[in-house]
Amino acid sequence: MSRGLRFSVLVVAVSFALAAAAVASAHSPVARAAGGCSYNWKAYGYSYLDKLTVIRTSCRTGRYVVHHHGHLRGWRCTRARLGSSSFQYNERVNCKSRGRWVKWTFTQNT
């Protein structure tokens, strides 16, 4: 096979591969991995919101769940006290609903 023919075959093969990848990505659902979210730490009723993480949901939903302290229909939440002193305590909250997770930690002054 001549050098020019090999190059042409290679160009055609790469073009088909790129076209197939574009079609597959256009029709496949978007997977969301765990990620941290930005937030205004004063807007949720806690003294300090330390960390907010979501899995398989949006940051907007995560902020909504945190704002309601996990007291929403369809969401099950567990709390764990991480530490406390005479003037404050730290907790971690994990909320789950249909495969979606919202996790946050906060500090509350007493």
PDB file of N, CA and C in Angstrom:
ATOM      1  N   MET A   1       0.850  -1.159   0.000  1.00  0.00           N
ATOM      2  CA  MET A   1       0.000   0.000   0.000  1.00  0.00           C
ATOM      3  C   MET A   1       0.903   1.231   0.000  1.00  0.00           C
ATOM      4  N   SER A   2       0.558   2.178  -0.825  1.00  0.00           N
ATOM      5  CA  SER A   2       1.400   3.378  -0.936  1.00  0.00           C
ATOM      6  C   SER A   2       1.171   4.306   0.262  1.00  0.00           C
ATOM      7  N   ARG A   3       2.132   5.176   0.433  1.00  0.00           N
ATOM      8  CA  ARG A   3       2.088   6.097   1.572  1.00  0.00           C
ATOM      9  C   ARG A   3       0.860   7.009   1.502  1.00  0.00           C
ATOM     10  N   GLY A   4       0.513   7.520   0.366  1.00  0.00           N
ATOM     11  CA  GLY A   4      -0.647   8.396   0.197  1.00  0.00           C
ATOM     12  C   GLY A   4      -1.953   7.671   0.480  1.00  0.00           C
ATOM     13  N   LEU A   5      -2.056   6.416   0.048  1.00  0.00           N
ATOM     14  CA  LEU A   5      -3.260   5.629   0.286  1.00  0.00           C
ATOM     15  C   LEU A   5      -3.424   5.323   1.770  1.00  0.00           C
ATOM     16  N   ARG A   6      -2.312   4.986   2.450  1.00  0.00           N
ATOM     17  CA  ARG A   6      -2.383   4.723   3.899  1.00  0.00           C
ATOM     18  C   ARG A   6      -2.846   5.977   4.649  1.00  0.00           C
ATOM     19  N   PHE A   7      -2.340   7.132   4.264  1.00  0.00           N
ATOM     20  CA  PHE A   7      -2.740   8.376   4.910  1.00  0.00           C
ATOM     21  C   PHE A   7      -4.231   8.639   4.692  1.00  0.00           C
ATOM     22  N   SER A   8      -4.726   8.411   3.480  1.00  0.00           N
ATOM     23  CA  SER A   8      -6.149   8.617   3.180  1.00  0.00           C
ATOM     24  C   SER A   8      -7.025   7.687   4.006  1.00  0.00           C
ATOM     25  N   VAL A   9      -6.620   6.417   4.121  1.00  0.00           N
ATOM     26  CA  VAL A   9      -7.377   5.449   4.926  1.00  0.00           C
ATOM     27  C   VAL A   9      -7.392   5.883   6.384  1.00  0.00           C
ATOM     28  N   LEU A  10      -6.267   6.351   6.884  1.00  0.00           N
ATOM     29  CA  LEU A  10      -6.175   6.818   8.260  1.00  0.00           C
ATOM     30  C   LEU A  10      -7.091   8.016   8.496  1.00  0.00           C
ATOM     31  N   VAL A  11      -7.116   8.967   7.576  1.00  0.00           N
ATOM     32  CA  VAL A  11      -7.969  10.148   7.712  1.00  0.00           C
ATOM     33  C   VAL A  11      -9.441   9.737   7.732  1.00  0.00           C
ATOM     34  N   VAL A  12      -9.822   8.829   6.852  1.00  0.00           N
ATOM     35  CA  VAL A  12     -11.218   8.372   6.809  1.00  0.00           C
ATOM     36  C   VAL A  12     -11.578   7.643   8.105  1.00  0.00           C
ATOM     37  N   ALA A  13     -10.691   6.801   8.614  1.00  0.00           N
ATOM     38  CA  ALA A  13     -10.965   6.060   9.847  1.00  0.00           C
ATOM     39  C   ALA A  13     -11.117   7.008  11.040  1.00  0.00           C
ATOM     40  N   VAL A  14     -10.255   7.986  11.135  1.00  0.00           N
ATOM     41  CA  VAL A  14     -10.347   8.952  12.237  1.00  0.00           C
ATOM     42  C   VAL A  14     -11.630   9.763  12.118  1.00  0.00           C
ATOM     43  N   SER A  15     -12.006  10.136  10.898  1.00  0.00           N
ATOM     44  CA  SER A  15     -13.245  10.899  10.698  1.00  0.00           C
ATOM     45  C   SER A  15     -14.458  10.109  11.149  1.00  0.00           C
ATOM     46  N   PHE A  16     -14.513   8.818  10.802  1.00  0.00           N
ATOM     47  CA  PHE A  16     -15.621   7.967  11.233  1.00  0.00           C
ATOM     48  C   PHE A  16     -15.644   7.822  12.754  1.00  0.00           C
ATOM     49  N   ALA A  17     -14.486   7.657  13.356  1.00  0.00           N
ATOM     50  CA  ALA A  17     -14.427   7.514  14.815  1.00  0.00           C
ATOM     51  C   ALA A  17     -14.919   8.782  15.513  1.00  0.00           C
ATOM     52  N   LEU A  18     -14.514   9.944  15.023  1.00  0.00           N
ATOM     53  CA  LEU A  18     -14.967  11.199  15.625  1.00  0.00           C
ATOM     54  C   LEU A  18     -16.465  11.407  15.425  1.00  0.00           C
ATOM     55  N   ALA A  19     -16.969  11.062  14.261  1.00  0.00           N
ATOM     56  CA  ALA A  19     -18.404  11.202  14.005  1.00  0.00           C
ATOM     57  C   ALA A  19     -19.205  10.271  14.907  1.00  0.00           C
ATOM     58  N   ALA A  20     -18.745   9.036  15.081  1.00  0.00           N
ATOM     59  CA  ALA A  20     -19.440   8.083  15.951  1.00  0.00           C
ATOM     60  C   ALA A  20     -19.429   8.563  17.401  1.00  0.00           C
ATOM     61  N   ALA A  21     -18.314   9.119  17.851  1.00  0.00           N
ATOM     62  CA  ALA A  21     -18.231   9.632  19.220  1.00  0.00           C
ATOM     63  C   ALA A  21     -19.176  10.811  19.419  1.00  0.00           C
ATOM     64  N   ALA A  22     -19.288  11.668  18.424  1.00  0.00           N
ATOM     65  CA  ALA A  22     -20.176  12.821  18.528  1.00  0.00           C
ATOM     66  C   ALA A  22     -21.635  12.386  18.609  1.00  0.00           C
ATOM     67  N   VAL A  23     -22.016  11.399  17.790  1.00  0.00           N
ATOM     68  CA  VAL A  23     -23.392  10.897  17.818  1.00  0.00           C
ATOM     69  C   VAL A  23     -23.681  10.227  19.150  1.00  0.00           C
ATOM     70  N   ALA A  24     -22.756   9.432  19.668  1.00  0.00           N
ATOM     71  CA  ALA A  24     -22.957   8.737  20.937  1.00  0.00           C
ATOM     72  C   ALA A  24     -23.075   9.730  22.083  1.00  0.00           C
ATOM     73  N   SER A  25     -22.268  10.760  22.089  1.00  0.00           N
ATOM     74  CA  SER A  25     -22.322  11.718  23.195  1.00  0.00           C
ATOM     75  C   SER A  25     -23.575  12.578  23.128  1.00  0.00           C
ATOM     76  N   ALA A  26     -24.116  12.793  21.939  1.00  0.00           N
ATOM     77  CA  ALA A  26     -25.315  13.604  21.808  1.00  0.00           C
ATOM     78  C   ALA A  26     -26.539  12.889  22.355  1.00  0.00           C
ATOM     79  N   HIS A  27     -26.548  11.562  22.368  1.00  0.00           N
ATOM     80  CA  HIS A  27     -27.718  10.803  22.780  1.00  0.00           C
ATOM     81  C   HIS A  27     -27.555  10.130  24.131  1.00  0.00           C
ATOM     82  N   SER A  28     -26.401  10.205  24.734  1.00  0.00           N
ATOM     83  CA  SER A  28     -26.214   9.530  26.020  1.00  0.00           C
ATOM     84  C   SER A  28     -26.565  10.473  27.154  1.00  0.00           C
ATOM     85  N   PRO A  29     -27.111   9.923  28.271  1.00  0.00           N
ATOM     86  CA  PRO A  29     -27.436  10.779  29.403  1.00  0.00           C
ATOM     87  C   PRO A  29     -26.170  11.308  30.061  1.00  0.00           C
ATOM     88  N   VAL A  30     -26.293  12.435  30.701  1.00  0.00           N
ATOM     89  CA  VAL A  30     -25.155  13.041  31.374  1.00  0.00           C
ATOM     90  C   VAL A  30     -25.029  12.432  32.766  1.00  0.00           C
ATOM     91  N   ALA A  31     -23.871  11.889  33.069  1.00  0.00           N
ATOM     92  CA  ALA A  31     -23.628  11.327  34.391  1.00  0.00           C
ATOM     93  C   ALA A  31     -23.044  12.417  35.275  1.00  0.00           C
ATOM     94  N   ARG A  32     -23.521  12.473  36.500  1.00  0.00           N
ATOM     95  CA  ARG A  32     -23.001  13.467  37.434  1.00  0.00           C
ATOM     96  C   ARG A  32     -22.288  12.753  38.562  1.00  0.00           C
ATOM     97  N   ALA A  33     -21.045  13.046  38.735  1.00  0.00           N
ATOM     98  CA  ALA A  33     -20.270  12.474  39.827  1.00  0.00           C
ATOM     99  C   ALA A  33     -20.438  13.359  41.052  1.00  0.00           C
ATOM    100  N   ALA A  34     -19.867  12.907  42.134  1.00  0.00           N
ATOM    101  CA  ALA A  34     -19.904  13.709  43.354  1.00  0.00           C
ATOM    102  C   ALA A  34     -19.130  14.993  43.144  1.00  0.00           C
ATOM    103  N   GLY A  35     -19.653  16.052  43.684  1.00  0.00           N
ATOM    104  CA  GLY A  35     -18.958  17.314  43.536  1.00  0.00           C
ATOM    105  C   GLY A  35     -19.323  18.284  44.635  1.00  0.00           C
ATOM    106  N   GLY A  36     -18.432  19.182  44.898  1.00  0.00           N
ATOM    107  CA  GLY A  36     -18.689  20.229  45.879  1.00  0.00           C
ATOM    108  C   GLY A  36     -19.425  21.377  45.227  1.00  0.00           C
ATOM    109  N   CYS A  37     -20.169  22.102  46.024  1.00  0.00           N
ATOM    110  CA  CYS A  37     -20.975  23.206  45.512  1.00  0.00           C
ATOM    111  C   CYS A  37     -20.589  24.498  46.208  1.00  0.00           C
ATOM    112  N   SER A  38     -20.774  25.588  45.487  1.00  0.00           N
ATOM    113  CA  SER A  38     -20.577  26.893  46.107  1.00  0.00           C
ATOM    114  C   SER A  38     -21.849  27.249  46.863  1.00  0.00           C
ATOM    115  N   TYR A  39     -21.698  28.042  47.907  1.00  0.00           N
ATOM    116  CA  TYR A  39     -22.845  28.418  48.728  1.00  0.00           C
ATOM    117  C   TYR A  39     -22.483  29.649  49.544  1.00  0.00           C
ATOM    118  N   ASN A  40     -23.501  30.309  50.016  1.00  0.00           N
ATOM    119  CA  ASN A  40     -23.333  31.413  50.951  1.00  0.00           C
ATOM    120  C   ASN A  40     -23.502  30.817  52.339  1.00  0.00           C
ATOM    121  N   TRP A  41     -22.450  30.725  53.110  1.00  0.00           N
ATOM    122  CA  TRP A  41     -22.462  29.969  54.355  1.00  0.00           C
ATOM    123  C   TRP A  41     -23.379  30.551  55.414  1.00  0.00           C
ATOM    124  N   LYS A  42     -23.879  31.764  55.261  1.00  0.00           N
ATOM    125  CA  LYS A  42     -24.756  32.364  56.264  1.00  0.00           C
ATOM    126  C   LYS A  42     -26.242  32.174  55.966  1.00  0.00           C
ATOM    127  N   ALA A  43     -26.599  31.704  54.817  1.00  0.00           N
ATOM    128  CA  ALA A  43     -27.995  31.742  54.381  1.00  0.00           C
ATOM    129  C   ALA A  43     -28.820  30.512  54.755  1.00  0.00           C
ATOM    130  N   TYR A  44     -28.323  29.637  55.602  1.00  0.00           N
ATOM    131  CA  TYR A  44     -29.022  28.373  55.814  1.00  0.00           C
ATOM    132  C   TYR A  44     -29.470  28.136  57.251  1.00  0.00           C
ATOM    133  N   GLY A  45     -29.305  29.095  58.139  1.00  0.00           N
ATOM    134  CA  GLY A  45     -29.760  28.929  59.507  1.00  0.00           C
ATOM    135  C   GLY A  45     -28.738  28.298  60.431  1.00  0.00           C
ATOM    136  N   TYR A  46     -27.579  27.944  59.919  1.00  0.00           N
ATOM    137  CA  TYR A  46     -26.499  27.427  60.744  1.00  0.00           C
ATOM    138  C   TYR A  46     -25.538  28.580  61.026  1.00  0.00           C
ATOM    139  N   SER A  47     -24.735  28.433  62.068  1.00  0.00           N
ATOM    140  CA  SER A  47     -23.717  29.454  62.311  1.00  0.00           C
ATOM    141  C   SER A  47     -22.709  29.464  61.160  1.00  0.00           C
ATOM    142  N   TYR A  48     -22.258  28.267  60.756  1.00  0.00           N
ATOM    143  CA  TYR A  48     -21.335  28.139  59.626  1.00  0.00           C
ATOM    144  C   TYR A  48     -21.678  26.873  58.855  1.00  0.00           C
ATOM    145  N   LEU A  49     -21.861  26.992  57.569  1.00  0.00           N
ATOM    146  CA  LEU A  49     -21.982  25.822  56.704  1.00  0.00           C
ATOM    147  C   LEU A  49     -20.583  25.548  56.184  1.00  0.00           C
ATOM    148  N   ASP A  50     -20.018  24.393  56.578  1.00  0.00           N
ATOM    149  CA  ASP A  50     -18.612  24.121  56.290  1.00  0.00           C
ATOM    150  C   ASP A  50     -18.385  23.502  54.918  1.00  0.00           C
ATOM    151  N   LYS A  51     -19.264  22.584  54.501  1.00  0.00           N
ATOM    152  CA  LYS A  51     -19.037  21.863  53.246  1.00  0.00           C
ATOM    153  C   LYS A  51     -20.367  21.361  52.717  1.00  0.00           C
ATOM    154  N   LEU A  52     -20.541  21.413  51.403  1.00  0.00           N
ATOM    155  CA  LEU A  52     -21.738  20.907  50.740  1.00  0.00           C
ATOM    156  C   LEU A  52     -21.312  20.074  49.543  1.00  0.00           C
ATOM    157  N   THR A  53     -21.749  18.810  49.530  1.00  0.00           N
ATOM    158  CA  THR A  53     -21.412  17.893  48.447  1.00  0.00           C
ATOM    159  C   THR A  53     -22.697  17.254  47.928  1.00  0.00           C
ATOM    160  N   VAL A  54     -22.801  17.102  46.617  1.00  0.00           N
ATOM    161  CA  VAL A  54     -23.961  16.440  46.008  1.00  0.00           C
ATOM    162  C   VAL A  54     -23.496  15.275  45.152  1.00  0.00           C
ATOM    163  N   ILE A  55     -24.335  14.250  45.090  1.00  0.00           N
ATOM    164  CA  ILE A  55     -24.075  13.085  44.234  1.00  0.00           C
ATOM    165  C   ILE A  55     -25.341  12.812  43.430  1.00  0.00           C
ATOM    166  N   ARG A  56     -25.218  12.784  42.130  1.00  0.00           N
ATOM    167  CA  ARG A  56     -26.308  12.519  41.188  1.00  0.00           C
ATOM    168  C   ARG A  56     -27.466  13.503  41.295  1.00  0.00           C
ATOM    169  N   THR A  57     -27.157  14.723  41.662  1.00  0.00           N
ATOM    170  CA  THR A  57     -28.160  15.784  41.661  1.00  0.00           C
ATOM    171  C   THR A  57     -27.440  17.118  41.460  1.00  0.00           C
ATOM    172  N   SER A  58     -28.204  18.164  41.330  1.00  0.00           N
ATOM    173  CA  SER A  58     -27.600  19.473  41.065  1.00  0.00           C
ATOM    174  C   SER A  58     -27.251  20.187  42.365  1.00  0.00           C
ATOM    175  N   CYS A  59     -26.378  21.157  42.261  1.00  0.00           N
ATOM    176  CA  CYS A  59     -26.038  21.988  43.421  1.00  0.00           C
ATOM    177  C   CYS A  59     -27.259  22.783  43.872  1.00  0.00           C
ATOM    178  N   ARG A  60     -28.097  23.162  42.952  1.00  0.00           N
ATOM    179  CA  ARG A  60     -29.315  23.901  43.310  1.00  0.00           C
ATOM    180  C   ARG A  60     -30.203  23.054  44.219  1.00  0.00           C
ATOM    181  N   THR A  61     -30.378  21.785  43.880  1.00  0.00           N
ATOM    182  CA  THR A  61     -31.156  20.888  44.735  1.00  0.00           C
ATOM    183  C   THR A  61     -30.481  20.717  46.087  1.00  0.00           C
ATOM    184  N   GLY A  62     -29.169  20.589  46.071  1.00  0.00           N
ATOM    185  CA  GLY A  62     -28.430  20.453  47.324  1.00  0.00           C
ATOM    186  C   GLY A  62     -28.629  21.651  48.233  1.00  0.00           C
ATOM    187  N   ARG A  63     -28.552  22.845  47.680  1.00  0.00           N
ATOM    188  CA  ARG A  63     -28.759  24.047  48.484  1.00  0.00           C
ATOM    189  C   ARG A  63     -30.192  24.107  49.017  1.00  0.00           C
ATOM    190  N   TYR A  64     -31.153  23.646  48.228  1.00  0.00           N
ATOM    191  CA  TYR A  64     -32.554  23.624  48.653  1.00  0.00           C
ATOM    192  C   TYR A  64     -32.748  22.676  49.838  1.00  0.00           C
ATOM    193  N   VAL A  65     -32.155  21.487  49.750  1.00  0.00           N
ATOM    194  CA  VAL A  65     -32.255  20.510  50.839  1.00  0.00           C
ATOM    195  C   VAL A  65     -31.593  21.051  52.106  1.00  0.00           C
ATOM    196  N   VAL A  66     -30.432  21.664  51.970  1.00  0.00           N
ATOM    197  CA  VAL A  66     -29.728  22.230  53.124  1.00  0.00           C
ATOM    198  C   VAL A  66     -30.550  23.361  53.732  1.00  0.00           C
ATOM    199  N   HIS A  67     -31.124  24.200  52.907  1.00  0.00           N
ATOM    200  CA  HIS A  67     -31.920  25.328  53.396  1.00  0.00           C
ATOM    201  C   HIS A  67     -33.084  24.835  54.266  1.00  0.00           C
ATOM    202  N   HIS A  68     -33.643  23.688  53.920  1.00  0.00           N
ATOM    203  CA  HIS A  68     -34.760  23.115  54.679  1.00  0.00           C
ATOM    204  C   HIS A  68     -34.282  22.105  55.727  1.00  0.00           C
ATOM    205  N   HIS A  69     -32.978  22.068  55.958  1.00  0.00           N
ATOM    206  CA  HIS A  69     -32.361  21.198  56.976  1.00  0.00           C
ATOM    207  C   HIS A  69     -32.719  19.726  56.771  1.00  0.00           C
ATOM    208  N   GLY A  70     -33.023  19.347  55.523  1.00  0.00           N
ATOM    209  CA  GLY A  70     -33.332  17.959  55.196  1.00  0.00           C
ATOM    210  C   GLY A  70     -34.756  17.559  55.495  1.00  0.00           C
ATOM    211  N   HIS A  71     -35.592  18.481  55.968  1.00  0.00           N
ATOM    212  CA  HIS A  71     -36.979  18.163  56.306  1.00  0.00           C
ATOM    213  C   HIS A  71     -37.871  18.355  55.084  1.00  0.00           C
ATOM    214  N   LEU A  72     -37.707  17.482  54.109  1.00  0.00           N
ATOM    215  CA  LEU A  72     -38.496  17.533  52.878  1.00  0.00           C
ATOM    216  C   LEU A  72     -39.089  16.167  52.606  1.00  0.00           C
ATOM    217  N   ARG A  73     -40.263  16.154  52.040  1.00  0.00           N
ATOM    218  CA  ARG A  73     -40.911  14.888  51.700  1.00  0.00           C
ATOM    219  C   ARG A  73     -40.065  14.133  50.685  1.00  0.00           C
ATOM    220  N   GLY A  74     -39.828  12.853  50.947  1.00  0.00           N
ATOM    221  CA  GLY A  74     -39.062  12.012  50.044  1.00  0.00           C
ATOM    222  C   GLY A  74     -37.576  11.945  50.356  1.00  0.00           C
ATOM    223  N   TRP A  75     -37.111  12.733  51.289  1.00  0.00           N
ATOM    224  CA  TRP A  75     -35.695  12.743  51.663  1.00  0.00           C
ATOM    225  C   TRP A  75     -35.547  12.120  53.044  1.00  0.00           C
ATOM    226  N   ARG A  76     -34.638  11.159  53.168  1.00  0.00           N
ATOM    227  CA  ARG A  76     -34.290  10.544  54.458  1.00  0.00           C
ATOM    228  C   ARG A  76     -32.918  11.032  54.861  1.00  0.00           C
ATOM    229  N   CYS A  77     -32.796  11.517  56.080  1.00  0.00           N
ATOM    230  CA  CYS A  77     -31.530  12.110  56.521  1.00  0.00           C
ATOM    231  C   CYS A  77     -31.028  11.450  57.801  1.00  0.00           C
ATOM    232  N   THR A  78     -29.717  11.356  57.893  1.00  0.00           N
ATOM    233  CA  THR A  78     -29.066  10.902  59.112  1.00  0.00           C
ATOM    234  C   THR A  78     -28.095  11.992  59.543  1.00  0.00           C
ATOM    235  N   ARG A  79     -27.948  12.112  60.856  1.00  0.00           N
ATOM    236  CA  ARG A  79     -27.054  13.118  61.418  1.00  0.00           C
ATOM    237  C   ARG A  79     -26.030  12.440  62.294  1.00  0.00           C
ATOM    238  N   ALA A  80     -24.835  12.991  62.297  1.00  0.00           N
ATOM    239  CA  ALA A  80     -23.767  12.481  63.163  1.00  0.00           C
ATOM    240  C   ALA A  80     -23.070  13.669  63.806  1.00  0.00           C
ATOM    241  N   ARG A  81     -22.992  13.655  65.128  1.00  0.00           N
ATOM    242  CA  ARG A  81     -22.294  14.723  65.851  1.00  0.00           C
ATOM    243  C   ARG A  81     -20.804  14.455  65.749  1.00  0.00           C
ATOM    244  N   LEU A  82     -20.067  15.393  65.199  1.00  0.00           N
ATOM    245  CA  LEU A  82     -18.633  15.222  64.989  1.00  0.00           C
ATOM    246  C   LEU A  82     -17.813  15.726  66.162  1.00  0.00           C
ATOM    247  N   GLY A  83     -18.322  16.681  66.869  1.00  0.00           N
ATOM    248  CA  GLY A  83     -17.602  17.224  68.011  1.00  0.00           C
ATOM    249  C   GLY A  83     -18.428  18.309  68.663  1.00  0.00           C
ATOM    250  N   SER A  84     -18.149  18.579  69.918  1.00  0.00           N
ATOM    251  CA  SER A  84     -18.876  19.636  70.596  1.00  0.00           C
ATOM    252  C   SER A  84     -18.024  20.229  71.709  1.00  0.00           C
ATOM    253  N   SER A  85     -18.385  21.425  72.081  1.00  0.00           N
ATOM    254  CA  SER A  85     -17.762  22.105  73.209  1.00  0.00           C
ATOM    255  C   SER A  85     -18.883  22.818  73.952  1.00  0.00           C
ATOM    256  N   SER A  86     -18.537  23.604  74.927  1.00  0.00           N
ATOM    257  CA  SER A  86     -19.562  24.296  75.712  1.00  0.00           C
ATOM    258  C   SER A  86     -20.263  25.397  74.914  1.00  0.00           C
ATOM    259  N   PHE A  87     -19.693  25.809  73.788  1.00  0.00           N
ATOM    260  CA  PHE A  87     -20.286  26.921  73.046  1.00  0.00           C
ATOM    261  C   PHE A  87     -20.639  26.595  71.592  1.00  0.00           C
ATOM    262  N   GLN A  88     -20.282  25.414  71.079  1.00  0.00           N
ATOM    263  CA  GLN A  88     -20.655  25.066  69.706  1.00  0.00           C
ATOM    264  C   GLN A  88     -20.558  23.568  69.490  1.00  0.00           C
ATOM    265  N   TYR A  89     -21.158  23.106  68.384  1.00  0.00           N
ATOM    266  CA  TYR A  89     -21.031  21.703  67.980  1.00  0.00           C
ATOM    267  C   TYR A  89     -20.939  21.620  66.465  1.00  0.00           C
ATOM    268  N   ASN A  90     -20.371  20.516  65.991  1.00  0.00           N
ATOM    269  CA  ASN A  90     -20.233  20.244  64.553  1.00  0.00           C
ATOM    270  C   ASN A  90     -21.025  18.991  64.238  1.00  0.00           C
ATOM    271  N   GLU A  91     -21.744  19.004  63.118  1.00  0.00           N
ATOM    272  CA  GLU A  91     -22.497  17.836  62.674  1.00  0.00           C
ATOM    273  C   GLU A  91     -22.295  17.609  61.191  1.00  0.00           C
ATOM    274  N   ARG A  92     -22.462  16.343  60.812  1.00  0.00           N
ATOM    275  CA  ARG A  92     -22.478  15.938  59.408  1.00  0.00           C
ATOM    276  C   ARG A  92     -23.874  15.399  59.130  1.00  0.00           C
ATOM    277  N   VAL A  93     -24.479  15.816  58.026  1.00  0.00           N
ATOM    278  CA  VAL A  93     -25.817  15.373  57.643  1.00  0.00           C
ATOM    279  C   VAL A  93     -25.722  14.731  56.264  1.00  0.00           C
ATOM    280  N   ASN A  94     -26.309  13.545  56.127  1.00  0.00           N
ATOM    281  CA  ASN A  94     -26.391  12.843  54.844  1.00  0.00           C
ATOM    282  C   ASN A  94     -27.863  12.631  54.527  1.00  0.00           C
ATOM    283  N   CYS A  95     -28.329  13.140  53.413  1.00  0.00           N
ATOM    284  CA  CYS A  95     -29.719  12.978  52.997  1.00  0.00           C
ATOM    285  C   CYS A  95     -29.754  12.235  51.665  1.00  0.00           C
ATOM    286  N   LYS A  96     -30.723  11.319  51.557  1.00  0.00           N
ATOM    287  CA  LYS A  96     -30.844  10.497  50.348  1.00  0.00           C
ATOM    288  C   LYS A  96     -32.283  10.506  49.862  1.00  0.00           C
ATOM    289  N   SER A  97     -32.435  10.554  48.547  1.00  0.00           N
ATOM    290  CA  SER A  97     -33.741  10.440  47.924  1.00  0.00           C
ATOM    291  C   SER A  97     -33.577   9.830  46.540  1.00  0.00           C
ATOM    292  N   ARG A  98     -34.108   8.638  46.339  1.00  0.00           N
ATOM    293  CA  ARG A  98     -34.096   7.942  45.044  1.00  0.00           C
ATOM    294  C   ARG A  98     -32.727   7.948  44.371  1.00  0.00           C
ATOM    295  N   GLY A  99     -31.694   7.577  45.091  1.00  0.00           N
ATOM    296  CA  GLY A  99     -30.360   7.483  44.513  1.00  0.00           C
ATOM    297  C   GLY A  99     -29.595   8.784  44.462  1.00  0.00           C
ATOM    298  N   ARG A 100     -30.205   9.859  44.908  1.00  0.00           N
ATOM    299  CA  ARG A 100     -29.525  11.155  44.963  1.00  0.00           C
ATOM    300  C   ARG A 100     -29.067  11.396  46.400  1.00  0.00           C
ATOM    301  N   TRP A 101     -27.903  11.987  46.558  1.00  0.00           N
ATOM    302  CA  TRP A 101     -27.360  12.271  47.882  1.00  0.00           C
ATOM    303  C   TRP A 101     -27.007  13.739  48.006  1.00  0.00           C
ATOM    304  N   VAL A 102     -27.275  14.293  49.166  1.00  0.00           N
ATOM    305  CA  VAL A 102     -26.818  15.627  49.537  1.00  0.00           C
ATOM    306  C   VAL A 102     -26.155  15.476  50.896  1.00  0.00           C
ATOM    307  N   LYS A 103     -24.903  15.907  50.991  1.00  0.00           N
ATOM    308  CA  LYS A 103     -24.139  15.773  52.229  1.00  0.00           C
ATOM    309  C   LYS A 103     -23.583  17.130  52.610  1.00  0.00           C
ATOM    310  N   TRP A 104     -23.679  17.452  53.897  1.00  0.00           N
ATOM    311  CA  TRP A 104     -23.093  18.703  54.341  1.00  0.00           C
ATOM    312  C   TRP A 104     -22.645  18.603  55.789  1.00  0.00           C
ATOM    313  N   THR A 105     -21.717  19.460  56.137  1.00  0.00           N
ATOM    314  CA  THR A 105     -21.262  19.587  57.524  1.00  0.00           C
ATOM    315  C   THR A 105     -21.453  21.039  57.923  1.00  0.00           C
ATOM    316  N   PHE A 106     -21.752  21.236  59.187  1.00  0.00           N
ATOM    317  CA  PHE A 106     -21.977  22.580  59.678  1.00  0.00           C
ATOM    318  C   PHE A 106     -21.513  22.718  61.114  1.00  0.00           C
ATOM    319  N   THR A 107     -21.328  23.953  61.525  1.00  0.00           N
ATOM    320  CA  THR A 107     -20.996  24.312  62.896  1.00  0.00           C
ATOM    321  C   THR A 107     -22.129  25.193  63.411  1.00  0.00           C
ATOM    322  N   GLN A 108     -22.608  24.870  64.600  1.00  0.00           N
ATOM    323  CA  GLN A 108     -23.689  25.648  65.209  1.00  0.00           C
ATOM    324  C   GLN A 108     -23.217  26.172  66.556  1.00  0.00           C
ATOM    325  N   ASN A 109     -23.277  27.457  66.722  1.00  0.00           N
ATOM    326  CA  ASN A 109     -22.988  28.059  68.022  1.00  0.00           C
ATOM    327  C   ASN A 109     -24.194  27.887  68.929  1.00  0.00           C
ATOM    328  N   THR A 110     -23.956  27.566  70.197  1.00  0.00           N
ATOM    329  CA  THR A 110     -25.089  27.353  71.118  1.00  0.00           C
ATOM    330  C   THR A 110     -25.409  28.576  71.930  1.00  0.00           C
TER     331      THR A 110
END
